Amino acid sequence: MKGTEKQVNWATAIINGVMATIRANKANAQNSPIAPIRKEAEVWEYMEHRYETIMHSDKMQDASWIISHRDAEMFQPLRIMSRIETAARNLGGDMMAAAKKVLG
C-alpha cells in the first residue's frame, strides 16, 4: 500500500475494521439458534470473499484514497447488508441472489 506510514496505518485500520465487522457478523449468524439468521452466514461469507478480492484491487493500494472514502458505503458492511436485505425482499427473499446483485 502506498502512502505515508501514518496513512498506511490508518487505511489498514479501516480495512481491518471492515473485515472484523464482517467476520463477527458471520460468526454470530453461524452460531444463532434461529435458522433464518444462520442462513445469513452464507451472505456474510460471500461478502467476506468479495471484500478480500476488492481489497487487493489497485484502488485499495492507495492509503489516501481509502482514508478519503472511509465513510463511503463500501466501508460500511452493515449498510450493505441492509441493501442486500432490501434487494432480497424484491427477489422473493433470496438473500444470496441479492448479495450477488449488490456486491457483484
N, C-alpha and C. Protein backbone atom coordinates (compact mmCIF):
# COMPACT_ATOMS: atom_id res chain seq x y z
N MET A 1 0.85 -1.16 0.00
CA MET A 1 0.00 0.00 0.00
C MET A 1 0.90 1.23 0.00
N LYS A 2 0.48 2.22 -0.79
CA LYS A 2 1.31 3.42 -0.85
C LYS A 2 0.69 4.54 -0.01
N GLY A 3 1.57 5.36 0.52
CA GLY A 3 1.19 6.47 1.37
C GLY A 3 2.23 6.62 2.46
N THR A 4 2.05 7.64 3.28
CA THR A 4 2.96 7.80 4.41
C THR A 4 2.71 6.67 5.41
N GLU A 5 3.61 6.50 6.32
CA GLU A 5 3.44 5.45 7.32
C GLU A 5 2.14 5.66 8.10
N LYS A 6 1.87 6.91 8.45
CA LYS A 6 0.64 7.22 9.19
C LYS A 6 -0.60 6.89 8.34
N GLN A 7 -0.58 7.25 7.06
CA GLN A 7 -1.72 6.95 6.18
C GLN A 7 -1.92 5.45 6.03
N VAL A 8 -0.83 4.72 5.82
CA VAL A 8 -0.92 3.27 5.65
C VAL A 8 -1.49 2.63 6.91
N ASN A 9 -1.03 3.08 8.07
CA ASN A 9 -1.55 2.53 9.33
C ASN A 9 -3.04 2.82 9.48
N TRP A 10 -3.45 4.03 9.14
CA TRP A 10 -4.86 4.43 9.26
C TRP A 10 -5.71 3.63 8.27
N ALA A 11 -5.27 3.55 7.02
CA ALA A 11 -6.01 2.80 6.00
C ALA A 11 -6.10 1.32 6.36
N THR A 12 -5.03 0.78 6.88
CA THR A 12 -5.04 -0.62 7.31
C THR A 12 -6.04 -0.83 8.45
N ALA A 13 -6.11 0.12 9.36
CA ALA A 13 -7.07 0.03 10.46
C ALA A 13 -8.51 0.08 9.93
N ILE A 14 -8.75 0.89 8.92
CA ILE A 14 -10.09 0.97 8.32
C ILE A 14 -10.46 -0.38 7.71
N ILE A 15 -9.56 -0.92 6.92
CA ILE A 15 -9.82 -2.22 6.27
C ILE A 15 -9.99 -3.32 7.31
N ASN A 16 -9.12 -3.33 8.31
CA ASN A 16 -9.22 -4.35 9.36
C ASN A 16 -10.55 -4.23 10.11
N GLY A 17 -11.02 -3.01 10.32
CA GLY A 17 -12.31 -2.80 10.98
C GLY A 17 -13.46 -3.35 10.15
N VAL A 18 -13.41 -3.12 8.85
CA VAL A 18 -14.45 -3.64 7.95
C VAL A 18 -14.46 -5.16 8.00
N MET A 19 -13.29 -5.76 7.88
CA MET A 19 -13.21 -7.22 7.86
C MET A 19 -13.62 -7.81 9.21
N ALA A 20 -13.26 -7.14 10.31
CA ALA A 20 -13.65 -7.63 11.63
C ALA A 20 -15.17 -7.59 11.79
N THR A 21 -15.80 -6.54 11.28
CA THR A 21 -17.26 -6.44 11.35
C THR A 21 -17.91 -7.58 10.57
N ILE A 22 -17.41 -7.82 9.37
CA ILE A 22 -17.95 -8.89 8.54
C ILE A 22 -17.77 -10.24 9.23
N ARG A 23 -16.58 -10.50 9.72
CA ARG A 23 -16.31 -11.80 10.35
C ARG A 23 -17.10 -11.99 11.64
N ALA A 24 -17.26 -10.94 12.42
CA ALA A 24 -18.04 -11.05 13.66
C ALA A 24 -19.51 -11.34 13.35
N ASN A 25 -20.05 -10.67 12.35
CA ASN A 25 -21.45 -10.90 11.98
C ASN A 25 -21.63 -12.30 11.39
N LYS A 26 -20.65 -12.76 10.64
CA LYS A 26 -20.71 -14.12 10.10
C LYS A 26 -20.72 -15.13 11.24
N ALA A 27 -19.84 -14.94 12.22
CA ALA A 27 -19.77 -15.86 13.36
C ALA A 27 -21.07 -15.83 14.17
N ASN A 28 -21.61 -14.64 14.39
CA ASN A 28 -22.87 -14.52 15.13
C ASN A 28 -23.99 -15.24 14.39
N ALA A 29 -24.03 -15.10 13.08
CA ALA A 29 -25.07 -15.76 12.29
C ALA A 29 -24.89 -17.28 12.34
N GLN A 30 -23.67 -17.74 12.22
CA GLN A 30 -23.41 -19.18 12.25
C GLN A 30 -23.82 -19.80 13.58
N ASN A 31 -23.69 -19.05 14.65
CA ASN A 31 -23.97 -19.57 15.99
C ASN A 31 -25.38 -19.27 16.47
N SER A 32 -26.18 -18.68 15.64
CA SER A 32 -27.54 -18.33 16.04
C SER A 32 -28.43 -19.58 16.13
N PRO A 33 -29.30 -19.61 17.13
CA PRO A 33 -30.25 -20.71 17.22
C PRO A 33 -31.43 -20.54 16.25
N ILE A 34 -31.48 -19.40 15.58
CA ILE A 34 -32.59 -19.08 14.68
C ILE A 34 -32.17 -19.39 13.24
N ALA A 35 -32.86 -20.33 12.61
CA ALA A 35 -32.48 -20.81 11.28
C ALA A 35 -32.33 -19.71 10.23
N PRO A 36 -33.28 -18.75 10.10
CA PRO A 36 -33.10 -17.72 9.07
C PRO A 36 -31.85 -16.85 9.30
N ILE A 37 -31.49 -16.67 10.54
CA ILE A 37 -30.28 -15.89 10.83
C ILE A 37 -29.04 -16.72 10.48
N ARG A 38 -29.08 -18.02 10.77
CA ARG A 38 -27.95 -18.89 10.37
C ARG A 38 -27.75 -18.85 8.87
N LYS A 39 -28.83 -18.72 8.11
CA LYS A 39 -28.75 -18.65 6.65
C LYS A 39 -27.97 -17.40 6.22
N GLU A 40 -28.06 -16.33 7.01
CA GLU A 40 -27.32 -15.09 6.70
C GLU A 40 -25.81 -15.30 6.72
N ALA A 41 -25.35 -16.33 7.42
CA ALA A 41 -23.91 -16.59 7.48
C ALA A 41 -23.32 -16.78 6.08
N GLU A 42 -24.10 -17.39 5.19
CA GLU A 42 -23.65 -17.58 3.81
C GLU A 42 -23.45 -16.23 3.12
N VAL A 43 -24.33 -15.31 3.41
CA VAL A 43 -24.23 -13.97 2.81
C VAL A 43 -23.02 -13.24 3.36
N TRP A 44 -22.81 -13.33 4.68
CA TRP A 44 -21.63 -12.70 5.27
C TRP A 44 -20.35 -13.33 4.71
N GLU A 45 -20.36 -14.63 4.50
CA GLU A 45 -19.19 -15.29 3.93
C GLU A 45 -18.94 -14.81 2.50
N TYR A 46 -20.01 -14.67 1.73
CA TYR A 46 -19.87 -14.16 0.38
C TYR A 46 -19.32 -12.73 0.41
N MET A 47 -19.84 -11.91 1.32
CA MET A 47 -19.36 -10.54 1.46
C MET A 47 -17.88 -10.53 1.84
N GLU A 48 -17.49 -11.41 2.75
CA GLU A 48 -16.09 -11.51 3.15
C GLU A 48 -15.21 -11.83 1.95
N HIS A 49 -15.62 -12.80 1.15
CA HIS A 49 -14.86 -13.18 -0.04
C HIS A 49 -14.75 -12.00 -1.02
N ARG A 50 -15.87 -11.33 -1.27
CA ARG A 50 -15.86 -10.19 -2.20
C ARG A 50 -14.94 -9.08 -1.69
N TYR A 51 -15.00 -8.81 -0.39
CA TYR A 51 -14.14 -7.77 0.18
C TYR A 51 -12.67 -8.14 0.09
N GLU A 52 -12.36 -9.40 0.33
CA GLU A 52 -10.96 -9.80 0.20
C GLU A 52 -10.46 -9.57 -1.22
N THR A 53 -11.29 -9.82 -2.20
CA THR A 53 -10.94 -9.57 -3.60
C THR A 53 -10.79 -8.07 -3.85
N ILE A 54 -11.76 -7.30 -3.39
CA ILE A 54 -11.75 -5.85 -3.59
C ILE A 54 -10.54 -5.22 -2.92
N MET A 55 -10.19 -5.69 -1.74
CA MET A 55 -9.09 -5.08 -1.00
C MET A 55 -7.74 -5.28 -1.69
N HIS A 56 -7.68 -6.18 -2.66
CA HIS A 56 -6.44 -6.38 -3.40
C HIS A 56 -6.43 -5.62 -4.73
N SER A 57 -7.48 -4.85 -4.99
CA SER A 57 -7.53 -4.09 -6.24
C SER A 57 -6.55 -2.90 -6.16
N ASP A 58 -6.24 -2.34 -7.32
CA ASP A 58 -5.30 -1.23 -7.37
C ASP A 58 -5.75 -0.04 -6.53
N LYS A 59 -7.04 0.27 -6.57
CA LYS A 59 -7.56 1.42 -5.83
C LYS A 59 -7.30 1.27 -4.33
N MET A 60 -7.38 0.05 -3.86
CA MET A 60 -7.20 -0.20 -2.42
C MET A 60 -5.74 -0.20 -2.00
N GLN A 61 -4.85 0.08 -2.91
CA GLN A 61 -3.44 0.17 -2.57
C GLN A 61 -3.02 1.61 -2.30
N ASP A 62 -3.97 2.53 -2.39
CA ASP A 62 -3.71 3.95 -2.15
C ASP A 62 -4.34 4.34 -0.81
N ALA A 63 -3.49 4.46 0.20
CA ALA A 63 -3.97 4.74 1.55
C ALA A 63 -4.80 6.03 1.61
N SER A 64 -4.37 7.05 0.90
CA SER A 64 -5.11 8.32 0.97
C SER A 64 -6.51 8.17 0.38
N TRP A 65 -6.67 7.32 -0.65
CA TRP A 65 -8.00 7.10 -1.23
C TRP A 65 -8.91 6.42 -0.20
N ILE A 66 -8.38 5.42 0.47
CA ILE A 66 -9.16 4.70 1.48
C ILE A 66 -9.59 5.66 2.60
N ILE A 67 -8.67 6.46 3.05
CA ILE A 67 -8.97 7.42 4.13
C ILE A 67 -10.03 8.41 3.67
N SER A 68 -9.89 8.92 2.47
CA SER A 68 -10.84 9.91 1.94
C SER A 68 -12.24 9.34 1.78
N HIS A 69 -12.32 8.03 1.56
CA HIS A 69 -13.61 7.38 1.30
C HIS A 69 -14.07 6.49 2.47
N ARG A 70 -13.48 6.67 3.63
CA ARG A 70 -13.77 5.79 4.77
C ARG A 70 -15.23 5.81 5.20
N ASP A 71 -15.95 6.88 4.91
CA ASP A 71 -17.37 6.95 5.27
C ASP A 71 -18.28 6.47 4.15
N ALA A 72 -17.70 6.08 3.03
CA ALA A 72 -18.49 5.59 1.90
C ALA A 72 -19.13 4.26 2.27
N GLU A 73 -20.23 3.96 1.59
CA GLU A 73 -20.97 2.74 1.88
C GLU A 73 -20.09 1.49 1.78
N MET A 74 -19.15 1.48 0.88
CA MET A 74 -18.32 0.28 0.69
C MET A 74 -17.53 -0.09 1.94
N PHE A 75 -17.33 0.87 2.83
CA PHE A 75 -16.63 0.58 4.08
C PHE A 75 -17.59 0.44 5.26
N GLN A 76 -18.86 0.26 4.95
CA GLN A 76 -19.91 0.12 5.97
C GLN A 76 -20.68 -1.18 5.73
N PRO A 77 -20.15 -2.32 6.17
CA PRO A 77 -20.78 -3.60 5.85
C PRO A 77 -22.21 -3.74 6.38
N LEU A 78 -22.55 -3.09 7.48
CA LEU A 78 -23.92 -3.20 7.98
C LEU A 78 -24.90 -2.47 7.06
N ARG A 79 -24.46 -1.36 6.48
CA ARG A 79 -25.30 -0.66 5.50
C ARG A 79 -25.46 -1.51 4.24
N ILE A 80 -24.41 -2.19 3.85
CA ILE A 80 -24.50 -3.05 2.67
C ILE A 80 -25.44 -4.22 2.94
N MET A 81 -25.36 -4.79 4.14
CA MET A 81 -26.28 -5.89 4.47
C MET A 81 -27.73 -5.38 4.43
N SER A 82 -27.95 -4.16 4.85
CA SER A 82 -29.30 -3.59 4.78
C SER A 82 -29.76 -3.50 3.33
N ARG A 83 -28.87 -3.09 2.43
CA ARG A 83 -29.20 -3.06 1.00
C ARG A 83 -29.50 -4.45 0.47
N ILE A 84 -28.73 -5.43 0.93
CA ILE A 84 -28.95 -6.82 0.50
C ILE A 84 -30.32 -7.29 0.97
N GLU A 85 -30.67 -6.98 2.20
CA GLU A 85 -31.98 -7.39 2.73
C GLU A 85 -33.11 -6.75 1.93
N THR A 86 -32.96 -5.48 1.57
CA THR A 86 -33.97 -4.80 0.76
C THR A 86 -34.07 -5.46 -0.61
N ALA A 87 -32.92 -5.73 -1.23
CA ALA A 87 -32.92 -6.38 -2.54
C ALA A 87 -33.54 -7.77 -2.45
N ALA A 88 -33.29 -8.48 -1.35
CA ALA A 88 -33.84 -9.82 -1.18
C ALA A 88 -35.36 -9.79 -1.15
N ARG A 89 -35.92 -8.78 -0.50
CA ARG A 89 -37.38 -8.65 -0.47
C ARG A 89 -37.93 -8.50 -1.89
N ASN A 90 -37.19 -7.82 -2.74
CA ASN A 90 -37.62 -7.64 -4.13
C ASN A 90 -37.36 -8.87 -4.98
N LEU A 91 -36.55 -9.79 -4.47
CA LEU A 91 -36.21 -11.02 -5.20
C LEU A 91 -36.86 -12.24 -4.55
N GLY A 92 -37.94 -12.03 -3.85
CA GLY A 92 -38.65 -13.15 -3.24
C GLY A 92 -37.95 -13.75 -2.04
N GLY A 93 -37.08 -13.00 -1.40
CA GLY A 93 -36.41 -13.47 -0.19
C GLY A 93 -35.09 -14.16 -0.41
N ASP A 94 -34.60 -14.22 -1.61
CA ASP A 94 -33.34 -14.90 -1.92
C ASP A 94 -32.15 -14.01 -1.56
N MET A 95 -31.60 -14.24 -0.37
CA MET A 95 -30.50 -13.40 0.13
C MET A 95 -29.23 -13.54 -0.70
N MET A 96 -28.90 -14.75 -1.15
CA MET A 96 -27.68 -14.90 -1.94
C MET A 96 -27.80 -14.22 -3.29
N ALA A 97 -28.95 -14.32 -3.94
CA ALA A 97 -29.14 -13.62 -5.20
C ALA A 97 -29.03 -12.12 -4.99
N ALA A 98 -29.57 -11.65 -3.88
CA ALA A 98 -29.50 -10.22 -3.56
C ALA A 98 -28.05 -9.81 -3.30
N ALA A 99 -27.32 -10.64 -2.56
CA ALA A 99 -25.91 -10.33 -2.27
C ALA A 99 -25.10 -10.24 -3.55
N LYS A 100 -25.34 -11.16 -4.46
CA LYS A 100 -24.62 -11.14 -5.74
C LYS A 100 -25.00 -9.91 -6.56
N LYS A 101 -26.25 -9.50 -6.47
CA LYS A 101 -26.69 -8.31 -7.20
C LYS A 101 -26.03 -7.05 -6.61
N VAL A 102 -26.01 -6.96 -5.29
CA VAL A 102 -25.47 -5.77 -4.62
C VAL A 102 -23.95 -5.74 -4.68
N LEU A 103 -23.31 -6.87 -4.44
CA LEU A 103 -21.85 -6.91 -4.34
C LEU A 103 -21.15 -7.28 -5.65
N GLY A 104 -21.90 -7.76 -6.59
CA GLY A 104 -21.31 -8.16 -7.87
C GLY A 104 -20.76 -9.55 -7.85
